[in-house]
């Protein structure tokens, strides 16, 4: 099974919102074969906690415009690793240091990459 069209649409919109706030290293993985709880993981980085928050805000605003609301949010107070769960997609907005340390790309490298553009 692969990610739904709705999940792909949300992922691309979230990636565009992140890119508008100058997020770096934006990549998405189709995790639908590995996880039953979501279809796509979107990863992106910010260089400061302030940028991480700005990226998070932009993504949430765009998702609300599309009719998707976060069912869960984690890590917003420190803004080092913010997780936004929209059910169909899960967005990880990470500070560059946390991104390098946790290396989620390596963890999910066996999953197909979602084309974002």
PDB file of N, CA and C in Angstrom:
ATOM      1  N   UNK A   1       0.846  -1.172   0.000  1.00  0.00           N
ATOM      2  CA  UNK A   1       0.000   0.000   0.000  1.00  0.00           C
ATOM      3  C   UNK A   1       0.892   1.235   0.000  1.00  0.00           C
ATOM      4  N   UNK A   2       0.456   2.284  -0.661  1.00  0.00           N
ATOM      5  CA  UNK A   2       1.235   3.520  -0.659  1.00  0.00           C
ATOM      6  C   UNK A   2       0.391   4.659  -0.110  1.00  0.00           C
ATOM      7  N   UNK A   3       1.038   5.777   0.113  1.00  0.00           N
ATOM      8  CA  UNK A   3       0.366   6.945   0.679  1.00  0.00           C
ATOM      9  C   UNK A   3      -0.799   7.378  -0.198  1.00  0.00           C
ATOM     10  N   UNK A   4      -1.856   7.858   0.440  1.00  0.00           N
ATOM     11  CA  UNK A   4      -3.030   8.325  -0.292  1.00  0.00           C
ATOM     12  C   UNK A   4      -2.723   9.640  -1.009  1.00  0.00           C
ATOM     13  N   UNK A   5      -3.533   9.949  -2.005  1.00  0.00           N
ATOM     14  CA  UNK A   5      -3.371  11.223  -2.719  1.00  0.00           C
ATOM     15  C   UNK A   5      -3.546  12.407  -1.765  1.00  0.00           C
ATOM     16  N   UNK A   6      -4.472  12.286  -0.826  1.00  0.00           N
ATOM     17  CA  UNK A   6      -4.702  13.353   0.155  1.00  0.00           C
ATOM     18  C   UNK A   6      -3.445  13.574   0.992  1.00  0.00           C
ATOM     19  N   UNK A   7      -2.812  12.498   1.430  1.00  0.00           N
ATOM     20  CA  UNK A   7      -1.590  12.606   2.216  1.00  0.00           C
ATOM     21  C   UNK A   7      -0.479  13.253   1.397  1.00  0.00           C
ATOM     22  N   UNK A   8      -0.366  12.878   0.144  1.00  0.00           N
ATOM     23  CA  UNK A   8       0.649  13.471  -0.738  1.00  0.00           C
ATOM     24  C   UNK A   8       0.371  14.965  -0.923  1.00  0.00           C
ATOM     25  N   UNK A   9      -0.902  15.329  -1.105  1.00  0.00           N
ATOM     26  CA  UNK A   9      -1.259  16.745  -1.265  1.00  0.00           C
ATOM     27  C   UNK A   9      -0.904  17.535  -0.005  1.00  0.00           C
ATOM     28  N   UNK A  10      -1.242  16.992   1.160  1.00  0.00           N
ATOM     29  CA  UNK A  10      -0.899  17.659   2.418  1.00  0.00           C
ATOM     30  C   UNK A  10       0.608  17.791   2.584  1.00  0.00           C
ATOM     31  N   UNK A  11       1.322  16.738   2.228  1.00  0.00           N
ATOM     32  CA  UNK A  11       2.783  16.744   2.349  1.00  0.00           C
ATOM     33  C   UNK A  11       3.398  17.831   1.486  1.00  0.00           C
ATOM     34  N   UNK A  12       2.958  17.928   0.260  1.00  0.00           N
ATOM     35  CA  UNK A  12       3.501  18.948  -0.647  1.00  0.00           C
ATOM     36  C   UNK A  12       3.168  20.348  -0.156  1.00  0.00           C
ATOM     37  N   UNK A  13       1.961  20.541   0.365  1.00  0.00           N
ATOM     38  CA  UNK A  13       1.585  21.851   0.888  1.00  0.00           C
ATOM     39  C   UNK A  13       2.413  22.210   2.120  1.00  0.00           C
ATOM     40  N   UNK A  14       2.620  21.246   2.993  1.00  0.00           N
ATOM     41  CA  UNK A  14       3.436  21.482   4.183  1.00  0.00           C
ATOM     42  C   UNK A  14       4.882  21.780   3.799  1.00  0.00           C
ATOM     43  N   UNK A  15       5.393  21.062   2.819  1.00  0.00           N
ATOM     44  CA  UNK A  15       6.772  21.293   2.357  1.00  0.00           C
ATOM     45  C   UNK A  15       6.919  22.685   1.767  1.00  0.00           C
ATOM     46  N   UNK A  16       5.927  23.127   1.017  1.00  0.00           N
ATOM     47  CA  UNK A  16       5.964  24.473   0.439  1.00  0.00           C
ATOM     48  C   UNK A  16       5.928  25.527   1.536  1.00  0.00           C
ATOM     49  N   UNK A  17       5.084  25.314   2.546  1.00  0.00           N
ATOM     50  CA  UNK A  17       5.016  26.264   3.667  1.00  0.00           C
ATOM     51  C   UNK A  17       6.351  26.321   4.403  1.00  0.00           C
ATOM     52  N   UNK A  18       6.979  25.159   4.592  1.00  0.00           N
ATOM     53  CA  UNK A  18       8.286  25.120   5.257  1.00  0.00           C
ATOM     54  C   UNK A  18       9.338  25.831   4.414  1.00  0.00           C
ATOM     55  N   UNK A  19       9.306  25.587   3.126  1.00  0.00           N
ATOM     56  CA  UNK A  19      10.261  26.224   2.216  1.00  0.00           C
ATOM     57  C   UNK A  19      10.100  27.738   2.222  1.00  0.00           C
ATOM     58  N   UNK A  20       8.854  28.217   2.324  1.00  0.00           N
ATOM     59  CA  UNK A  20       8.599  29.662   2.375  1.00  0.00           C
ATOM     60  C   UNK A  20       9.239  30.319   3.592  1.00  0.00           C
ATOM     61  N   UNK A  21       9.447  29.545   4.657  1.00  0.00           N
ATOM     62  CA  UNK A  21      10.104  30.052   5.869  1.00  0.00           C
ATOM     63  C   UNK A  21      11.575  29.642   5.915  1.00  0.00           C
ATOM     64  N   UNK A  22      12.114  29.256   4.759  1.00  0.00           N
ATOM     65  CA  UNK A  22      13.529  28.942   4.574  1.00  0.00           C
ATOM     66  C   UNK A  22      14.011  27.715   5.354  1.00  0.00           C
ATOM     67  N   UNK A  23      13.109  26.765   5.576  1.00  0.00           N
ATOM     68  CA  UNK A  23      13.523  25.498   6.176  1.00  0.00           C
ATOM     69  C   UNK A  23      14.502  24.809   5.239  1.00  0.00           C
ATOM     70  N   UNK A  24      15.409  24.035   5.814  1.00  0.00           N
ATOM     71  CA  UNK A  24      16.414  23.346   5.018  1.00  0.00           C
ATOM     72  C   UNK A  24      16.166  21.839   5.039  1.00  0.00           C
ATOM     73  N   UNK A  25      16.796  21.176   4.062  1.00  0.00           N
ATOM     74  CA  UNK A  25      16.812  19.711   4.003  1.00  0.00           C
ATOM     75  C   UNK A  25      15.415  19.101   4.121  1.00  0.00           C
ATOM     76  N   UNK A  26      14.497  19.579   3.314  1.00  0.00           N
ATOM     77  CA  UNK A  26      13.122  19.093   3.347  1.00  0.00           C
ATOM     78  C   UNK A  26      13.044  17.781   2.573  1.00  0.00           C
ATOM     79  N   UNK A  27      12.531  16.752   3.241  1.00  0.00           N
ATOM     80  CA  UNK A  27      12.391  15.442   2.619  1.00  0.00           C
ATOM     81  C   UNK A  27      11.173  14.746   3.219  1.00  0.00           C
ATOM     82  N   UNK A  28      10.515  13.930   2.423  1.00  0.00           N
ATOM     83  CA  UNK A  28       9.342  13.194   2.901  1.00  0.00           C
ATOM     84  C   UNK A  28       9.488  11.718   2.550  1.00  0.00           C
ATOM     85  N   UNK A  29       9.052  10.872   3.470  1.00  0.00           N
ATOM     86  CA  UNK A  29       9.092   9.430   3.273  1.00  0.00           C
ATOM     87  C   UNK A  29       7.682   8.852   3.335  1.00  0.00           C
ATOM     88  N   UNK A  30       7.374   7.965   2.412  1.00  0.00           N
ATOM     89  CA  UNK A  30       6.122   7.224   2.436  1.00  0.00           C
ATOM     90  C   UNK A  30       6.314   6.062   3.408  1.00  0.00           C
ATOM     91  N   UNK A  31       5.732   6.187   4.594  1.00  0.00           N
ATOM     92  CA  UNK A  31       5.893   5.179   5.634  1.00  0.00           C
ATOM     93  C   UNK A  31       4.650   4.308   5.773  1.00  0.00           C
ATOM     94  N   UNK A  32       3.752   4.391   4.806  1.00  0.00           N
ATOM     95  CA  UNK A  32       2.470   3.693   4.900  1.00  0.00           C
ATOM     96  C   UNK A  32       2.621   2.178   4.975  1.00  0.00           C
ATOM     97  N   UNK A  33       3.650   1.608   4.368  1.00  0.00           N
ATOM     98  CA  UNK A  33       3.873   0.159   4.457  1.00  0.00           C
ATOM     99  C   UNK A  33       4.467  -0.253   5.800  1.00  0.00           C
ATOM    100  N   UNK A  34       5.112   0.686   6.482  1.00  0.00           N
ATOM    101  CA  UNK A  34       5.782   0.389   7.746  1.00  0.00           C
ATOM    102  C   UNK A  34       4.917   0.695   8.973  1.00  0.00           C
ATOM    103  N   UNK A  35       4.063   1.708   8.849  1.00  0.00           N
ATOM    104  CA  UNK A  35       3.256   2.168   9.981  1.00  0.00           C
ATOM    105  C   UNK A  35       1.779   2.207   9.613  1.00  0.00           C
ATOM    106  N   UNK A  36       0.946   1.826  10.547  1.00  0.00           N
ATOM    107  CA  UNK A  36      -0.498   1.891  10.315  1.00  0.00           C
ATOM    108  C   UNK A  36      -1.080   3.229  10.750  1.00  0.00           C
ATOM    109  N   UNK A  37      -0.293   4.030  11.452  1.00  0.00           N
ATOM    110  CA  UNK A  37      -0.832   5.260  12.047  1.00  0.00           C
ATOM    111  C   UNK A  37      -0.763   6.483  11.141  1.00  0.00           C
ATOM    112  N   UNK A  38       0.057   6.442  10.100  1.00  0.00           N
ATOM    113  CA  UNK A  38       0.196   7.586   9.198  1.00  0.00           C
ATOM    114  C   UNK A  38       0.732   7.125   7.858  1.00  0.00           C
ATOM    115  N   UNK A  39       0.643   8.001   6.861  1.00  0.00           N
ATOM    116  CA  UNK A  39       1.127   7.667   5.517  1.00  0.00           C
ATOM    117  C   UNK A  39       2.507   8.244   5.214  1.00  0.00           C
ATOM    118  N   UNK A  40       2.760   9.473   5.690  1.00  0.00           N
ATOM    119  CA  UNK A  40       3.985  10.179   5.302  1.00  0.00           C
ATOM    120  C   UNK A  40       4.621  10.848   6.502  1.00  0.00           C
ATOM    121  N   UNK A  41       5.951  10.779   6.565  1.00  0.00           N
ATOM    122  CA  UNK A  41       6.750  11.590   7.483  1.00  0.00           C
ATOM    123  C   UNK A  41       7.413  12.675   6.646  1.00  0.00           C
ATOM    124  N   UNK A  42       7.229  13.933   7.045  1.00  0.00           N
ATOM    125  CA  UNK A  42       7.921  15.056   6.420  1.00  0.00           C
ATOM    126  C   UNK A  42       8.937  15.577   7.419  1.00  0.00           C
ATOM    127  N   UNK A  43      10.185  15.698   6.978  1.00  0.00           N
ATOM    128  CA  UNK A  43      11.264  16.203   7.831  1.00  0.00           C
ATOM    129  C   UNK A  43      11.793  17.504   7.258  1.00  0.00           C
ATOM    130  N   UNK A  44      12.062  18.468   8.139  1.00  0.00           N
ATOM    131  CA  UNK A  44      12.719  19.700   7.698  1.00  0.00           C
ATOM    132  C   UNK A  44      13.461  20.286   8.895  1.00  0.00           C
ATOM    133  N   UNK A  45      14.391  21.190   8.602  1.00  0.00           N
ATOM    134  CA  UNK A  45      15.254  21.746   9.644  1.00  0.00           C
ATOM    135  C   UNK A  45      15.208  23.263   9.662  1.00  0.00           C
ATOM    136  N   UNK A  46      15.449  23.783  10.857  1.00  0.00           N
ATOM    137  CA  UNK A  46      15.648  25.209  11.042  1.00  0.00           C
ATOM    138  C   UNK A  46      16.949  25.415  11.788  1.00  0.00           C
ATOM    139  N   UNK A  47      17.554  26.574  11.599  1.00  0.00           N
ATOM    140  CA  UNK A  47      18.861  26.820  12.216  1.00  0.00           C
ATOM    141  C   UNK A  47      18.766  27.424  13.614  1.00  0.00           C
ATOM    142  N   UNK A  48      17.592  27.928  13.989  1.00  0.00           N
ATOM    143  CA  UNK A  48      17.393  28.505  15.314  1.00  0.00           C
ATOM    144  C   UNK A  48      16.016  28.090  15.838  1.00  0.00           C
ATOM    145  N   UNK A  49      15.822  28.128  17.150  1.00  0.00           N
ATOM    146  CA  UNK A  49      14.485  27.834  17.674  1.00  0.00           C
ATOM    147  C   UNK A  49      13.414  28.771  17.107  1.00  0.00           C
ATOM    148  N   UNK A  50      13.789  30.010  16.888  1.00  0.00           N
ATOM    149  CA  UNK A  50      12.837  30.972  16.319  1.00  0.00           C
ATOM    150  C   UNK A  50      12.400  30.543  14.921  1.00  0.00           C
ATOM    151  N   UNK A  51      13.334  30.071  14.102  1.00  0.00           N
ATOM    152  CA  UNK A  51      12.988  29.605  12.767  1.00  0.00           C
ATOM    153  C   UNK A  51      12.147  28.330  12.837  1.00  0.00           C
ATOM    154  N   UNK A  52      12.475  27.437  13.760  1.00  0.00           N
ATOM    155  CA  UNK A  52      11.683  26.215  13.935  1.00  0.00           C
ATOM    156  C   UNK A  52      10.229  26.581  14.229  1.00  0.00           C
ATOM    157  N   UNK A  53      10.025  27.551  15.112  1.00  0.00           N
ATOM    158  CA  UNK A  53       8.660  28.004  15.435  1.00  0.00           C
ATOM    159  C   UNK A  53       7.979  28.624  14.217  1.00  0.00           C
ATOM    160  N   UNK A  54       8.709  29.427  13.456  1.00  0.00           N
ATOM    161  CA  UNK A  54       8.130  30.061  12.268  1.00  0.00           C
ATOM    162  C   UNK A  54       7.710  29.015  11.241  1.00  0.00           C
ATOM    163  N   UNK A  55       8.536  28.005  11.056  1.00  0.00           N
ATOM    164  CA  UNK A  55       8.207  26.923  10.121  1.00  0.00           C
ATOM    165  C   UNK A  55       6.978  26.182  10.623  1.00  0.00           C
ATOM    166  N   UNK A  56       6.957  25.873  11.891  1.00  0.00           N
ATOM    167  CA  UNK A  56       5.809  25.185  12.496  1.00  0.00           C
ATOM    168  C   UNK A  56       4.528  25.990  12.291  1.00  0.00           C
ATOM    169  N   UNK A  57       4.571  27.281  12.575  1.00  0.00           N
ATOM    170  CA  UNK A  57       3.390  28.139  12.402  1.00  0.00           C
ATOM    171  C   UNK A  57       2.918  28.155  10.957  1.00  0.00           C
ATOM    172  N   UNK A  58       3.850  28.289  10.027  1.00  0.00           N
ATOM    173  CA  UNK A  58       3.491  28.343   8.607  1.00  0.00           C
ATOM    174  C   UNK A  58       2.850  27.036   8.154  1.00  0.00           C
ATOM    175  N   UNK A  59       3.389  25.928   8.604  1.00  0.00           N
ATOM    176  CA  UNK A  59       2.818  24.629   8.229  1.00  0.00           C
ATOM    177  C   UNK A  59       1.414  24.485   8.799  1.00  0.00           C
ATOM    178  N   UNK A  60       1.240  24.821  10.064  1.00  0.00           N
ATOM    179  CA  UNK A  60      -0.090  24.703  10.673  1.00  0.00           C
ATOM    180  C   UNK A  60      -1.106  25.604   9.983  1.00  0.00           C
ATOM    181  N   UNK A  61      -0.723  26.827   9.645  1.00  0.00           N
ATOM    182  CA  UNK A  61      -1.636  27.728   8.936  1.00  0.00           C
ATOM    183  C   UNK A  61      -2.066  27.138   7.597  1.00  0.00           C
ATOM    184  N   UNK A  62      -1.115  26.585   6.874  1.00  0.00           N
ATOM    185  CA  UNK A  62      -1.422  25.999   5.560  1.00  0.00           C
ATOM    186  C   UNK A  62      -2.318  24.769   5.701  1.00  0.00           C
ATOM    187  N   UNK A  63      -2.066  23.955   6.698  1.00  0.00           N
ATOM    188  CA  UNK A  63      -2.889  22.763   6.894  1.00  0.00           C
ATOM    189  C   UNK A  63      -4.321  23.138   7.257  1.00  0.00           C
ATOM    190  N   UNK A  64      -4.481  24.172   8.082  1.00  0.00           N
ATOM    191  CA  UNK A  64      -5.823  24.638   8.446  1.00  0.00           C
ATOM    192  C   UNK A  64      -6.562  25.124   7.202  1.00  0.00           C
ATOM    193  N   UNK A  65      -5.854  25.846   6.319  1.00  0.00           N
ATOM    194  CA  UNK A  65      -6.462  26.294   5.060  1.00  0.00           C
ATOM    195  C   UNK A  65      -6.983  25.118   4.232  1.00  0.00           C
ATOM    196  N   UNK A  66      -6.291  23.994   4.318  1.00  0.00           N
ATOM    197  CA  UNK A  66      -6.686  22.802   3.555  1.00  0.00           C
ATOM    198  C   UNK A  66      -7.692  21.930   4.305  1.00  0.00           C
ATOM    199  N   UNK A  67      -8.034  22.307   5.523  1.00  0.00           N
ATOM    200  CA  UNK A  67      -9.008  21.545   6.292  1.00  0.00           C
ATOM    201  C   UNK A  67      -8.420  20.454   7.163  1.00  0.00           C
ATOM    202  N   UNK A  68      -7.104  20.468   7.342  1.00  0.00           N
ATOM    203  CA  UNK A  68      -6.443  19.485   8.205  1.00  0.00           C
ATOM    204  C   UNK A  68      -5.993  20.191   9.481  1.00  0.00           C
ATOM    205  N   UNK A  69      -6.313  19.600  10.595  1.00  0.00           N
ATOM    206  CA  UNK A  69      -5.938  20.186  11.875  1.00  0.00           C
ATOM    207  C   UNK A  69      -5.038  19.206  12.610  1.00  0.00           C
ATOM    208  N   UNK A  70      -4.032  19.729  13.287  1.00  0.00           N
ATOM    209  CA  UNK A  70      -3.118  18.877  14.047  1.00  0.00           C
ATOM    210  C   UNK A  70      -3.885  18.174  15.166  1.00  0.00           C
ATOM    211  N   UNK A  71      -3.780  16.856  15.212  1.00  0.00           N
ATOM    212  CA  UNK A  71      -4.414  16.097  16.282  1.00  0.00           C
ATOM    213  C   UNK A  71      -3.485  15.984  17.489  1.00  0.00           C
ATOM    214  N   UNK A  72      -2.206  16.270  17.240  1.00  0.00           N
ATOM    215  CA  UNK A  72      -1.230  16.234  18.331  1.00  0.00           C
ATOM    216  C   UNK A  72      -0.038  17.109  17.983  1.00  0.00           C
ATOM    217  N   UNK A  73       0.481  17.800  19.003  1.00  0.00           N
ATOM    218  CA  UNK A  73       1.680  18.631  18.855  1.00  0.00           C
ATOM    219  C   UNK A  73       2.609  18.314  20.017  1.00  0.00           C
ATOM    220  N   UNK A  74       3.882  18.230  19.712  1.00  0.00           N
ATOM    221  CA  UNK A  74       4.875  17.969  20.760  1.00  0.00           C
ATOM    222  C   UNK A  74       6.088  18.863  20.523  1.00  0.00           C
ATOM    223  N   UNK A  75       6.750  19.260  21.602  1.00  0.00           N
ATOM    224  CA  UNK A  75       8.025  19.950  21.526  1.00  0.00           C
ATOM    225  C   UNK A  75       7.980  21.426  21.213  1.00  0.00           C
ATOM    226  N   UNK A  76       6.824  22.040  21.318  1.00  0.00           N
ATOM    227  CA  UNK A  76       6.715  23.447  20.925  1.00  0.00           C
ATOM    228  C   UNK A  76       7.390  24.385  21.921  1.00  0.00           C
ATOM    229  N   UNK A  77       7.468  24.018  23.174  1.00  0.00           N
ATOM    230  CA  UNK A  77       8.038  24.946  24.160  1.00  0.00           C
ATOM    231  C   UNK A  77       9.534  25.170  23.962  1.00  0.00           C
ATOM    232  N   UNK A  78      10.275  24.109  23.621  1.00  0.00           N
ATOM    233  CA  UNK A  78      11.718  24.259  23.401  1.00  0.00           C
ATOM    234  C   UNK A  78      12.046  24.610  21.951  1.00  0.00           C
ATOM    235  N   UNK A  79      11.165  24.231  21.040  1.00  0.00           N
ATOM    236  CA  UNK A  79      11.364  24.475  19.602  1.00  0.00           C
ATOM    237  C   UNK A  79      12.693  23.916  19.103  1.00  0.00           C
ATOM    238  N   UNK A  80      13.030  22.726  19.585  1.00  0.00           N
ATOM    239  CA  UNK A  80      14.232  22.034  19.093  1.00  0.00           C
ATOM    240  C   UNK A  80      13.826  20.887  18.168  1.00  0.00           C
ATOM    241  N   UNK A  81      12.701  20.247  18.492  1.00  0.00           N
ATOM    242  CA  UNK A  81      12.129  19.206  17.648  1.00  0.00           C
ATOM    243  C   UNK A  81      10.622  19.285  17.838  1.00  0.00           C
ATOM    244  N   UNK A  82       9.944  19.848  16.876  1.00  0.00           N
ATOM    245  CA  UNK A  82       8.493  19.982  16.940  1.00  0.00           C
ATOM    246  C   UNK A  82       7.878  18.893  16.073  1.00  0.00           C
ATOM    247  N   UNK A  83       6.963  18.139  16.650  1.00  0.00           N
ATOM    248  CA  UNK A  83       6.248  17.103  15.922  1.00  0.00           C
ATOM    249  C   UNK A  83       4.807  17.550  15.771  1.00  0.00           C
ATOM    250  N   UNK A  84       4.331  17.577  14.539  1.00  0.00           N
ATOM    251  CA  UNK A  84       2.948  17.930  14.236  1.00  0.00           C
ATOM    252  C   UNK A  84       2.288  16.726  13.590  1.00  0.00           C
ATOM    253  N   UNK A  85       1.289  16.171  14.251  1.00  0.00           N
ATOM    254  CA  UNK A  85       0.589  14.986  13.751  1.00  0.00           C
ATOM    255  C   UNK A  85      -0.738  15.423  13.153  1.00  0.00           C
ATOM    256  N   UNK A  86      -0.852  15.275  11.831  1.00  0.00           N
ATOM    257  CA  UNK A  86      -2.086  15.601  11.124  1.00  0.00           C
ATOM    258  C   UNK A  86      -2.824  14.326  10.710  1.00  0.00           C
ATOM    259  N   UNK A  87      -2.554  13.224  11.372  1.00  0.00           N
ATOM    260  CA  UNK A  87      -3.123  11.895  11.112  1.00  0.00           C
ATOM    261  C   UNK A  87      -2.597  11.313   9.801  1.00  0.00           C
ATOM    262  N   UNK A  88      -2.879  11.937   8.668  1.00  0.00           N
ATOM    263  CA  UNK A  88      -2.412  11.421   7.379  1.00  0.00           C
ATOM    264  C   UNK A  88      -0.917  11.647   7.171  1.00  0.00           C
ATOM    265  N   UNK A  89      -0.408  12.712   7.757  1.00  0.00           N
ATOM    266  CA  UNK A  89       1.030  12.985   7.692  1.00  0.00           C
ATOM    267  C   UNK A  89       1.511  13.406   9.082  1.00  0.00           C
ATOM    268  N   UNK A  90       2.781  13.152   9.342  1.00  0.00           N
ATOM    269  CA  UNK A  90       3.423  13.620  10.563  1.00  0.00           C
ATOM    270  C   UNK A  90       4.619  14.463  10.129  1.00  0.00           C
ATOM    271  N   UNK A  91       4.667  15.689  10.635  1.00  0.00           N
ATOM    272  CA  UNK A  91       5.722  16.626  10.269  1.00  0.00           C
ATOM    273  C   UNK A  91       6.689  16.765  11.436  1.00  0.00           C
ATOM    274  N   UNK A  92       7.971  16.612  11.133  1.00  0.00           N
ATOM    275  CA  UNK A  92       9.038  16.804  12.110  1.00  0.00           C
ATOM    276  C   UNK A  92       9.803  18.061  11.700  1.00  0.00           C
ATOM    277  N   UNK A  93       9.685  19.114  12.499  1.00  0.00           N
ATOM    278  CA  UNK A  93      10.451  20.340  12.277  1.00  0.00           C
ATOM    279  C   UNK A  93      11.540  20.335  13.333  1.00  0.00           C
ATOM    280  N   UNK A  94      12.776  20.171  12.888  1.00  0.00           N
ATOM    281  CA  UNK A  94      13.869  19.941  13.825  1.00  0.00           C
ATOM    282  C   UNK A  94      14.950  21.008  13.709  1.00  0.00           C
ATOM    283  N   UNK A  95      15.532  21.350  14.848  1.00  0.00           N
ATOM    284  CA  UNK A  95      16.731  22.177  14.835  1.00  0.00           C
ATOM    285  C   UNK A  95      17.824  21.343  14.169  1.00  0.00           C
ATOM    286  N   UNK A  96      18.728  21.990  13.465  1.00  0.00           N
ATOM    287  CA  UNK A  96      19.766  21.279  12.717  1.00  0.00           C
ATOM    288  C   UNK A  96      20.570  20.315  13.590  1.00  0.00           C
ATOM    289  N   UNK A  97      20.857  20.711  14.824  1.00  0.00           N
ATOM    290  CA  UNK A  97      21.642  19.844  15.706  1.00  0.00           C
ATOM    291  C   UNK A  97      20.894  18.555  16.048  1.00  0.00           C
ATOM    292  N   UNK A  98      19.603  18.673  16.374  1.00  0.00           N
ATOM    293  CA  UNK A  98      18.805  17.488  16.670  1.00  0.00           C
ATOM    294  C   UNK A  98      18.644  16.614  15.432  1.00  0.00           C
ATOM    295  N   UNK A  99      18.491  17.252  14.295  1.00  0.00           N
ATOM    296  CA  UNK A  99      18.357  16.505  13.035  1.00  0.00           C
ATOM    297  C   UNK A  99      19.600  15.661  12.774  1.00  0.00           C
ATOM    298  N   UNK A 100      20.765  16.238  12.983  1.00  0.00           N
ATOM    299  CA  UNK A 100      22.006  15.493  12.771  1.00  0.00           C
ATOM    300  C   UNK A 100      22.160  14.378  13.804  1.00  0.00           C
ATOM    301  N   UNK A 101      21.798  14.653  15.046  1.00  0.00           N
ATOM    302  CA  UNK A 101      21.970  13.666  16.111  1.00  0.00           C
ATOM    303  C   UNK A 101      21.035  12.467  15.931  1.00  0.00           C
ATOM    304  N   UNK A 102      19.749  12.718  15.669  1.00  0.00           N
ATOM    305  CA  UNK A 102      18.777  11.630  15.595  1.00  0.00           C
ATOM    306  C   UNK A 102      18.741  10.937  14.233  1.00  0.00           C
ATOM    307  N   UNK A 103      19.186  11.594  13.197  1.00  0.00           N
ATOM    308  CA  UNK A 103      19.340  10.998  11.861  1.00  0.00           C
ATOM    309  C   UNK A 103      18.127  10.173  11.430  1.00  0.00           C
ATOM    310  N   UNK A 104      16.967  10.790  11.440  1.00  0.00           N
ATOM    311  CA  UNK A 104      15.748  10.079  11.050  1.00  0.00           C
ATOM    312  C   UNK A 104      15.786   9.595   9.601  1.00  0.00           C
ATOM    313  N   UNK A 105      16.517  10.294   8.751  1.00  0.00           N
ATOM    314  CA  UNK A 105      16.636   9.845   7.358  1.00  0.00           C
ATOM    315  C   UNK A 105      17.228   8.443   7.297  1.00  0.00           C
ATOM    316  N   UNK A 106      18.182   8.172   8.144  1.00  0.00           N
ATOM    317  CA  UNK A 106      18.805   6.849   8.172  1.00  0.00           C
ATOM    318  C   UNK A 106      17.807   5.805   8.659  1.00  0.00           C
ATOM    319  N   UNK A 107      17.009   6.167   9.640  1.00  0.00           N
ATOM    320  CA  UNK A 107      16.019   5.257  10.199  1.00  0.00           C
ATOM    321  C   UNK A 107      14.961   4.864   9.161  1.00  0.00           C
ATOM    322  N   UNK A 108      14.552   5.821   8.336  1.00  0.00           N
ATOM    323  CA  UNK A 108      13.488   5.581   7.359  1.00  0.00           C
ATOM    324  C   UNK A 108      14.014   5.429   5.935  1.00  0.00           C
ATOM    325  N   UNK A 109      15.292   5.205   5.773  1.00  0.00           N
ATOM    326  CA  UNK A 109      15.902   5.162   4.435  1.00  0.00           C
ATOM    327  C   UNK A 109      15.386   4.034   3.547  1.00  0.00           C
ATOM    328  N   UNK A 110      14.794   3.008   4.137  1.00  0.00           N
ATOM    329  CA  UNK A 110      14.256   1.921   3.320  1.00  0.00           C
ATOM    330  C   UNK A 110      12.855   2.229   2.784  1.00  0.00           C
ATOM    331  N   UNK A 111      12.287   3.357   3.188  1.00  0.00           N
ATOM    332  CA  UNK A 111      10.958   3.761   2.711  1.00  0.00           C
ATOM    333  C   UNK A 111      11.111   4.633   1.462  1.00  0.00           C
ATOM    334  N   UNK A 112      10.127   4.575   0.570  1.00  0.00           N
ATOM    335  CA  UNK A 112      10.189   5.420  -0.630  1.00  0.00           C
ATOM    336  C   UNK A 112      10.140   6.910  -0.277  1.00  0.00           C
ATOM    337  N   UNK A 113      10.886   7.692  -1.027  1.00  0.00           N
ATOM    338  CA  UNK A 113      10.866   9.152  -0.864  1.00  0.00           C
ATOM    339  C   UNK A 113       9.689   9.697  -1.659  1.00  0.00           C
ATOM    340  N   UNK A 114       8.956  10.627  -1.055  1.00  0.00           N
ATOM    341  CA  UNK A 114       7.821  11.277  -1.719  1.00  0.00           C
ATOM    342  C   UNK A 114       8.369  12.461  -2.512  1.00  0.00           C
ATOM    343  N   UNK A 115       8.050  12.515  -3.791  1.00  0.00           N
ATOM    344  CA  UNK A 115       8.470  13.643  -4.620  1.00  0.00           C
ATOM    345  C   UNK A 115       7.682  14.874  -4.218  1.00  0.00           C
ATOM    346  N   UNK A 116       8.392  15.945  -3.877  1.00  0.00           N
ATOM    347  CA  UNK A 116       7.736  17.131  -3.334  1.00  0.00           C
ATOM    348  C   UNK A 116       7.418  18.196  -4.366  1.00  0.00           C
ATOM    349  N   UNK A 117       8.099  18.238  -5.480  1.00  0.00           N
ATOM    350  CA  UNK A 117       7.826  19.312  -6.455  1.00  0.00           C
ATOM    351  C   UNK A 117       7.110  18.786  -7.667  1.00  0.00           C
TER     352      UNK A 117
END
